[in-house]
Amino acid sequence: MMGWHGLGQLKGMWSNFLQNAGKFMSYNIYKIEGDEVKNVHIRFHFETVDIGIVLSINPDHKIQGMFMDDSVKTNPIDKVYLIPISKNEFFINGHQNGGMQDLKITISNKGLILKDGSINFKAESINRKRSNKSQQPIPH
């Protein structure tokens, strides 16, 4: 359970996020692990960066721990080059896209699936400001 002291720390962290990462945009829960004690992996999306947090929740549904989650790296770029590697699969070269990790995208009747090693994510379109670069990358 997070006491008053923990709540104060959380407020301080959130203020720090807002000061350094800009306005809070949205969040998504992308993984829940465990039976009695659950680890809930959350991505908080700010204007300039995404921040990962894992909440450890006990059987009484109270937070017993909170940790930074760096397992999924994000980058504020909003356009990448897709390199075709098969009929329905594309490669994203991380080195060419701001040093992020290499990724694969699979296109199917279920939509776009983003693969980061053994982790799969359903890709969603989000509205962000578009840059006016002369290159023609495909939005991710």
N, C-alpha and C. Protein backbone atom coordinates (compact mmCIF):
# COMPACT_ATOMS: atom_id res chain seq x y z
N MET A 1 0.84 -1.17 0.00
CA MET A 1 0.00 0.00 0.00
C MET A 1 0.89 1.24 0.00
N MET A 2 0.51 2.19 -0.76
CA MET A 2 1.29 3.42 -0.83
C MET A 2 0.75 4.39 0.21
N GLY A 3 1.59 4.74 1.19
CA GLY A 3 1.18 5.66 2.25
C GLY A 3 1.30 7.11 1.81
N TRP A 4 1.11 8.03 2.75
CA TRP A 4 1.18 9.46 2.44
C TRP A 4 2.55 9.84 1.92
N HIS A 5 3.59 9.25 2.51
CA HIS A 5 4.94 9.54 2.06
C HIS A 5 5.12 9.12 0.60
N GLY A 6 4.62 7.92 0.26
CA GLY A 6 4.70 7.43 -1.12
C GLY A 6 3.90 8.28 -2.07
N LEU A 7 2.75 8.76 -1.63
CA LEU A 7 1.93 9.63 -2.46
C LEU A 7 2.64 10.94 -2.76
N GLY A 8 3.33 11.49 -1.76
CA GLY A 8 4.11 12.71 -1.96
C GLY A 8 5.23 12.49 -2.97
N GLN A 9 5.88 11.33 -2.90
CA GLN A 9 6.94 11.00 -3.87
C GLN A 9 6.36 10.90 -5.27
N LEU A 10 5.18 10.28 -5.39
CA LEU A 10 4.53 10.13 -6.69
C LEU A 10 4.18 11.50 -7.28
N LYS A 11 3.66 12.40 -6.46
CA LYS A 11 3.33 13.75 -6.93
C LYS A 11 4.59 14.47 -7.40
N GLY A 12 5.70 14.30 -6.65
CA GLY A 12 6.96 14.91 -7.03
C GLY A 12 7.48 14.36 -8.36
N MET A 13 7.36 13.03 -8.54
CA MET A 13 7.78 12.42 -9.80
C MET A 13 6.95 12.95 -10.96
N TRP A 14 5.63 13.04 -10.75
CA TRP A 14 4.74 13.50 -11.81
C TRP A 14 5.06 14.94 -12.19
N SER A 15 5.32 15.78 -11.21
CA SER A 15 5.70 17.17 -11.48
C SER A 15 6.99 17.23 -12.29
N ASN A 16 7.93 16.37 -11.95
CA ASN A 16 9.20 16.30 -12.67
C ASN A 16 8.96 15.86 -14.12
N PHE A 17 8.09 14.87 -14.33
CA PHE A 17 7.76 14.42 -15.68
C PHE A 17 7.19 15.58 -16.49
N LEU A 18 6.24 16.31 -15.91
CA LEU A 18 5.60 17.42 -16.62
C LEU A 18 6.62 18.51 -16.97
N GLN A 19 7.52 18.79 -16.04
CA GLN A 19 8.52 19.83 -16.27
C GLN A 19 9.50 19.44 -17.37
N ASN A 20 9.90 18.16 -17.43
CA ASN A 20 10.93 17.73 -18.36
C ASN A 20 10.41 17.10 -19.65
N ALA A 21 9.20 16.57 -19.64
CA ALA A 21 8.69 15.85 -20.81
C ALA A 21 7.52 16.57 -21.47
N GLY A 22 7.05 17.66 -20.90
CA GLY A 22 5.94 18.40 -21.50
C GLY A 22 4.59 17.90 -21.04
N LYS A 23 3.58 18.34 -21.73
CA LYS A 23 2.18 18.04 -21.39
C LYS A 23 1.89 16.54 -21.47
N PHE A 24 1.11 16.04 -20.51
CA PHE A 24 0.67 14.64 -20.53
C PHE A 24 -0.35 14.46 -21.64
N MET A 25 -0.15 13.44 -22.50
CA MET A 25 -1.03 13.21 -23.65
C MET A 25 -1.98 12.02 -23.42
N SER A 26 -1.42 10.86 -23.05
CA SER A 26 -2.24 9.66 -22.88
C SER A 26 -1.41 8.58 -22.19
N TYR A 27 -2.03 7.42 -21.97
CA TYR A 27 -1.30 6.29 -21.40
C TYR A 27 -1.85 5.02 -22.01
N ASN A 28 -1.09 3.94 -21.91
CA ASN A 28 -1.63 2.63 -22.23
C ASN A 28 -1.01 1.58 -21.33
N ILE A 29 -1.83 0.61 -20.96
CA ILE A 29 -1.39 -0.55 -20.18
C ILE A 29 -1.09 -1.63 -21.21
N TYR A 30 0.17 -2.08 -21.27
CA TYR A 30 0.49 -3.03 -22.33
C TYR A 30 0.81 -4.44 -21.84
N LYS A 31 0.91 -4.63 -20.53
CA LYS A 31 1.16 -5.98 -20.04
C LYS A 31 0.78 -6.06 -18.57
N ILE A 32 0.13 -7.17 -18.20
CA ILE A 32 -0.17 -7.46 -16.79
C ILE A 32 0.34 -8.87 -16.52
N GLU A 33 1.22 -9.00 -15.53
CA GLU A 33 1.82 -10.29 -15.19
C GLU A 33 1.49 -10.64 -13.75
N GLY A 34 1.41 -11.94 -13.48
CA GLY A 34 1.25 -12.41 -12.10
C GLY A 34 -0.16 -12.83 -11.78
N ASP A 35 -0.27 -13.63 -10.72
CA ASP A 35 -1.57 -14.12 -10.29
C ASP A 35 -2.06 -13.33 -9.07
N GLU A 36 -1.49 -13.62 -7.90
CA GLU A 36 -1.92 -12.89 -6.70
C GLU A 36 -1.36 -11.48 -6.69
N VAL A 37 -0.05 -11.36 -6.83
CA VAL A 37 0.58 -10.05 -6.95
C VAL A 37 0.74 -9.78 -8.44
N LYS A 38 0.21 -8.68 -8.90
CA LYS A 38 0.24 -8.35 -10.32
C LYS A 38 1.23 -7.22 -10.58
N ASN A 39 1.98 -7.36 -11.66
CA ASN A 39 2.84 -6.29 -12.14
C ASN A 39 2.16 -5.71 -13.38
N VAL A 40 1.78 -4.45 -13.29
CA VAL A 40 1.06 -3.77 -14.37
C VAL A 40 2.02 -2.81 -15.05
N HIS A 41 2.30 -3.05 -16.34
CA HIS A 41 3.23 -2.24 -17.12
C HIS A 41 2.45 -1.15 -17.86
N ILE A 42 2.81 0.11 -17.59
CA ILE A 42 2.08 1.26 -18.15
C ILE A 42 3.06 2.17 -18.87
N ARG A 43 2.66 2.70 -20.03
CA ARG A 43 3.42 3.72 -20.74
C ARG A 43 2.65 5.02 -20.63
N PHE A 44 3.30 6.06 -20.12
CA PHE A 44 2.71 7.39 -20.06
C PHE A 44 3.30 8.19 -21.21
N HIS A 45 2.45 8.74 -22.06
CA HIS A 45 2.89 9.47 -23.24
C HIS A 45 2.80 10.97 -22.98
N PHE A 46 3.97 11.62 -22.98
CA PHE A 46 4.05 13.07 -22.82
C PHE A 46 4.41 13.67 -24.18
N GLU A 47 4.47 14.99 -24.27
CA GLU A 47 4.75 15.67 -25.53
C GLU A 47 6.08 15.24 -26.14
N THR A 48 7.12 15.09 -25.34
CA THR A 48 8.44 14.84 -25.92
C THR A 48 9.00 13.46 -25.65
N VAL A 49 8.38 12.69 -24.77
CA VAL A 49 8.93 11.37 -24.43
C VAL A 49 7.84 10.49 -23.83
N ASP A 50 8.05 9.19 -23.89
CA ASP A 50 7.20 8.23 -23.20
C ASP A 50 7.95 7.72 -21.99
N ILE A 51 7.23 7.48 -20.90
CA ILE A 51 7.85 7.02 -19.67
C ILE A 51 7.14 5.75 -19.23
N GLY A 52 7.93 4.71 -18.95
CA GLY A 52 7.38 3.43 -18.53
C GLY A 52 7.43 3.27 -17.03
N ILE A 53 6.33 2.77 -16.47
CA ILE A 53 6.21 2.52 -15.03
C ILE A 53 5.63 1.12 -14.85
N VAL A 54 6.14 0.38 -13.87
CA VAL A 54 5.54 -0.90 -13.47
C VAL A 54 5.00 -0.71 -12.06
N LEU A 55 3.71 -0.98 -11.90
CA LEU A 55 3.09 -0.95 -10.58
C LEU A 55 2.93 -2.38 -10.09
N SER A 56 3.37 -2.65 -8.87
CA SER A 56 3.18 -3.95 -8.25
C SER A 56 1.96 -3.83 -7.35
N ILE A 57 0.93 -4.63 -7.64
CA ILE A 57 -0.35 -4.52 -6.93
C ILE A 57 -0.62 -5.81 -6.17
N ASN A 58 -0.88 -5.69 -4.86
CA ASN A 58 -1.06 -6.87 -4.02
C ASN A 58 -2.49 -7.41 -4.16
N PRO A 59 -2.78 -8.57 -3.52
CA PRO A 59 -4.11 -9.18 -3.64
C PRO A 59 -5.25 -8.30 -3.13
N ASP A 60 -4.94 -7.29 -2.28
CA ASP A 60 -5.97 -6.37 -1.78
C ASP A 60 -6.16 -5.18 -2.73
N HIS A 61 -5.54 -5.27 -3.94
CA HIS A 61 -5.65 -4.23 -4.97
C HIS A 61 -5.02 -2.90 -4.54
N LYS A 62 -3.95 -3.00 -3.75
CA LYS A 62 -3.23 -1.81 -3.30
C LYS A 62 -1.82 -1.83 -3.87
N ILE A 63 -1.30 -0.67 -4.19
CA ILE A 63 0.04 -0.56 -4.76
C ILE A 63 1.06 -0.87 -3.68
N GLN A 64 1.91 -1.85 -3.92
CA GLN A 64 2.96 -2.16 -2.96
C GLN A 64 4.34 -1.79 -3.49
N GLY A 65 4.43 -1.40 -4.75
CA GLY A 65 5.71 -0.98 -5.31
C GLY A 65 5.52 -0.30 -6.65
N MET A 66 6.48 0.54 -7.00
CA MET A 66 6.44 1.25 -8.28
C MET A 66 7.86 1.34 -8.79
N PHE A 67 8.06 0.96 -10.06
CA PHE A 67 9.39 0.90 -10.63
C PHE A 67 9.38 1.52 -12.02
N MET A 68 10.51 2.09 -12.41
CA MET A 68 10.66 2.59 -13.78
C MET A 68 10.78 1.37 -14.70
N ASP A 69 10.20 1.45 -15.88
CA ASP A 69 10.22 0.36 -16.85
C ASP A 69 10.91 0.84 -18.12
N ASP A 70 12.13 0.38 -18.32
CA ASP A 70 12.89 0.75 -19.51
C ASP A 70 12.92 -0.37 -20.54
N SER A 71 12.07 -1.40 -20.39
CA SER A 71 12.13 -2.55 -21.29
C SER A 71 11.67 -2.21 -22.70
N VAL A 72 10.80 -1.23 -22.84
CA VAL A 72 10.37 -0.80 -24.17
C VAL A 72 10.86 0.63 -24.36
N LYS A 73 11.77 0.82 -25.28
CA LYS A 73 12.32 2.14 -25.51
C LYS A 73 11.45 2.89 -26.50
N THR A 74 11.28 4.17 -26.27
CA THR A 74 10.49 4.98 -27.18
C THR A 74 11.30 6.17 -27.63
N ASN A 75 10.80 6.83 -28.64
CA ASN A 75 11.52 7.91 -29.27
C ASN A 75 10.49 8.91 -29.76
N PRO A 76 10.72 10.20 -29.65
CA PRO A 76 9.72 11.18 -30.07
C PRO A 76 9.56 11.36 -31.57
N ILE A 77 10.33 10.61 -32.40
CA ILE A 77 10.16 10.75 -33.85
C ILE A 77 8.79 10.23 -34.25
N ASP A 78 8.21 10.82 -35.30
CA ASP A 78 6.88 10.37 -35.71
C ASP A 78 6.85 9.83 -37.13
N LYS A 79 8.01 9.71 -37.78
CA LYS A 79 8.08 9.11 -39.12
C LYS A 79 9.32 8.24 -39.20
N VAL A 80 9.18 7.08 -39.83
CA VAL A 80 10.31 6.16 -40.03
C VAL A 80 10.24 5.60 -41.44
N TYR A 81 11.37 5.08 -41.92
CA TYR A 81 11.41 4.39 -43.19
C TYR A 81 11.13 2.92 -42.96
N LEU A 82 10.23 2.36 -43.76
CA LEU A 82 9.92 0.93 -43.69
C LEU A 82 10.65 0.24 -44.83
N ILE A 83 11.44 -0.76 -44.50
CA ILE A 83 12.19 -1.52 -45.50
C ILE A 83 11.47 -2.85 -45.71
N PRO A 84 10.93 -3.10 -46.93
CA PRO A 84 10.22 -4.37 -47.17
C PRO A 84 11.17 -5.56 -47.04
N ILE A 85 10.74 -6.59 -46.26
CA ILE A 85 11.55 -7.80 -46.15
C ILE A 85 10.78 -9.04 -46.59
N SER A 86 9.48 -8.92 -46.76
CA SER A 86 8.64 -9.97 -47.35
C SER A 86 7.34 -9.31 -47.78
N LYS A 87 6.40 -10.11 -48.27
CA LYS A 87 5.15 -9.55 -48.80
C LYS A 87 4.41 -8.68 -47.78
N ASN A 88 4.32 -9.12 -46.54
CA ASN A 88 3.55 -8.42 -45.52
C ASN A 88 4.38 -8.00 -44.31
N GLU A 89 5.70 -7.93 -44.48
CA GLU A 89 6.54 -7.61 -43.33
C GLU A 89 7.57 -6.55 -43.71
N PHE A 90 7.79 -5.62 -42.77
CA PHE A 90 8.72 -4.51 -42.99
C PHE A 90 9.68 -4.42 -41.81
N PHE A 91 10.87 -3.90 -42.07
CA PHE A 91 11.90 -3.71 -41.06
C PHE A 91 12.10 -2.23 -40.83
N ILE A 92 12.27 -1.83 -39.56
CA ILE A 92 12.59 -0.45 -39.21
C ILE A 92 14.00 -0.47 -38.62
N ASN A 93 14.93 0.19 -39.30
CA ASN A 93 16.31 0.24 -38.86
C ASN A 93 16.44 1.28 -37.75
N GLY A 94 16.65 0.82 -36.53
CA GLY A 94 16.72 1.72 -35.38
C GLY A 94 17.84 2.74 -35.47
N HIS A 95 18.99 2.33 -36.01
CA HIS A 95 20.13 3.24 -36.12
C HIS A 95 19.79 4.46 -36.97
N GLN A 96 19.02 4.25 -38.03
CA GLN A 96 18.64 5.35 -38.92
C GLN A 96 17.51 6.21 -38.35
N ASN A 97 16.91 5.79 -37.27
CA ASN A 97 15.77 6.49 -36.70
C ASN A 97 16.04 6.92 -35.26
N GLY A 98 17.06 7.73 -35.10
CA GLY A 98 17.35 8.31 -33.79
C GLY A 98 17.92 7.34 -32.78
N GLY A 99 18.46 6.21 -33.22
CA GLY A 99 19.10 5.27 -32.30
C GLY A 99 18.14 4.39 -31.53
N MET A 100 16.86 4.30 -31.94
CA MET A 100 15.95 3.41 -31.25
C MET A 100 16.25 1.96 -31.61
N GLN A 101 15.57 1.01 -31.01
CA GLN A 101 15.82 -0.39 -31.29
C GLN A 101 15.27 -0.77 -32.66
N ASP A 102 15.82 -1.83 -33.27
CA ASP A 102 15.29 -2.34 -34.53
C ASP A 102 13.92 -2.94 -34.27
N LEU A 103 13.01 -2.75 -35.23
CA LEU A 103 11.65 -3.26 -35.10
C LEU A 103 11.20 -3.89 -36.41
N LYS A 104 10.17 -4.73 -36.34
CA LYS A 104 9.52 -5.26 -37.53
C LYS A 104 8.04 -4.94 -37.45
N ILE A 105 7.42 -4.72 -38.60
CA ILE A 105 5.98 -4.50 -38.68
C ILE A 105 5.39 -5.56 -39.60
N THR A 106 4.35 -6.22 -39.15
CA THR A 106 3.63 -7.19 -39.97
C THR A 106 2.25 -6.63 -40.26
N ILE A 107 1.86 -6.69 -41.53
CA ILE A 107 0.54 -6.21 -41.95
C ILE A 107 -0.35 -7.43 -42.16
N SER A 108 -1.53 -7.42 -41.51
CA SER A 108 -2.48 -8.52 -41.67
C SER A 108 -3.89 -7.96 -41.64
N ASN A 109 -4.87 -8.83 -41.77
CA ASN A 109 -6.26 -8.37 -41.70
C ASN A 109 -6.62 -7.88 -40.29
N LYS A 110 -5.77 -8.14 -39.30
CA LYS A 110 -5.99 -7.65 -37.94
C LYS A 110 -5.38 -6.27 -37.73
N GLY A 111 -4.68 -5.74 -38.75
CA GLY A 111 -4.05 -4.43 -38.63
C GLY A 111 -2.54 -4.55 -38.66
N LEU A 112 -1.88 -3.57 -38.11
CA LEU A 112 -0.42 -3.55 -38.06
C LEU A 112 0.06 -4.09 -36.71
N ILE A 113 0.99 -5.02 -36.74
CA ILE A 113 1.57 -5.57 -35.52
C ILE A 113 3.04 -5.16 -35.49
N LEU A 114 3.43 -4.46 -34.44
CA LEU A 114 4.80 -4.01 -34.24
C LEU A 114 5.51 -5.04 -33.38
N LYS A 115 6.67 -5.53 -33.85
CA LYS A 115 7.41 -6.56 -33.12
C LYS A 115 8.73 -6.00 -32.63
N ASP A 116 8.94 -6.11 -31.33
CA ASP A 116 10.20 -5.72 -30.70
C ASP A 116 10.76 -6.97 -30.04
N GLY A 117 11.57 -7.72 -30.76
CA GLY A 117 12.08 -8.99 -30.24
C GLY A 117 10.93 -9.96 -30.09
N SER A 118 10.65 -10.39 -28.87
CA SER A 118 9.57 -11.35 -28.63
C SER A 118 8.27 -10.67 -28.20
N ILE A 119 8.26 -9.34 -28.11
CA ILE A 119 7.06 -8.60 -27.68
C ILE A 119 6.34 -8.06 -28.90
N ASN A 120 5.03 -8.28 -28.99
CA ASN A 120 4.20 -7.78 -30.09
C ASN A 120 3.23 -6.72 -29.57
N PHE A 121 3.06 -5.65 -30.37
CA PHE A 121 2.13 -4.58 -30.04
C PHE A 121 1.24 -4.33 -31.24
N LYS A 122 -0.03 -4.08 -31.01
CA LYS A 122 -0.91 -3.66 -32.10
C LYS A 122 -0.66 -2.17 -32.33
N ALA A 123 -0.31 -1.82 -33.54
CA ALA A 123 0.00 -0.43 -33.85
C ALA A 123 -1.28 0.38 -33.94
N GLU A 124 -1.24 1.60 -33.43
CA GLU A 124 -2.37 2.52 -33.50
C GLU A 124 -1.91 3.83 -34.08
N SER A 125 -2.78 4.47 -34.80
CA SER A 125 -2.47 5.79 -35.34
C SER A 125 -2.75 6.83 -34.26
N ILE A 126 -1.80 7.73 -34.05
CA ILE A 126 -2.00 8.81 -33.10
C ILE A 126 -1.78 10.13 -33.81
N ASN A 127 -2.46 11.16 -33.36
CA ASN A 127 -2.34 12.47 -33.99
C ASN A 127 -1.23 13.25 -33.30
N ARG A 128 -0.20 13.59 -34.07
CA ARG A 128 0.88 14.43 -33.59
C ARG A 128 1.19 15.44 -34.67
N LYS A 129 1.88 16.49 -34.31
CA LYS A 129 2.28 17.49 -35.29
C LYS A 129 3.19 16.84 -36.32
N ARG A 130 2.95 17.10 -37.58
CA ARG A 130 3.76 16.55 -38.66
C ARG A 130 4.86 17.52 -39.03
N SER A 131 6.06 17.00 -39.30
CA SER A 131 7.15 17.86 -39.75
C SER A 131 7.07 18.00 -41.26
N ASN A 132 7.61 19.07 -41.79
CA ASN A 132 7.59 19.33 -43.23
C ASN A 132 8.93 19.01 -43.85
N LYS A 133 9.40 17.80 -43.69
CA LYS A 133 10.67 17.39 -44.27
C LYS A 133 10.44 16.98 -45.71
N SER A 134 11.48 17.13 -46.54
CA SER A 134 11.37 16.80 -47.95
C SER A 134 11.36 15.29 -48.19
N GLN A 135 11.77 14.48 -47.20
CA GLN A 135 11.79 13.04 -47.36
C GLN A 135 10.37 12.50 -47.25
N GLN A 136 10.14 11.28 -47.73
CA GLN A 136 8.81 10.71 -47.75
C GLN A 136 8.73 9.42 -46.91
N PRO A 137 9.09 9.43 -45.65
CA PRO A 137 8.96 8.20 -44.85
C PRO A 137 7.49 7.90 -44.59
N ILE A 138 7.21 6.66 -44.27
CA ILE A 138 5.86 6.23 -43.96
C ILE A 138 5.65 6.40 -42.46
N PRO A 139 4.56 7.05 -42.02
CA PRO A 139 4.32 7.23 -40.58
C PRO A 139 4.22 5.89 -39.88
N HIS A 140 4.68 5.82 -38.63
CA HIS A 140 4.51 4.60 -37.84
C HIS A 140 3.42 4.75 -36.83
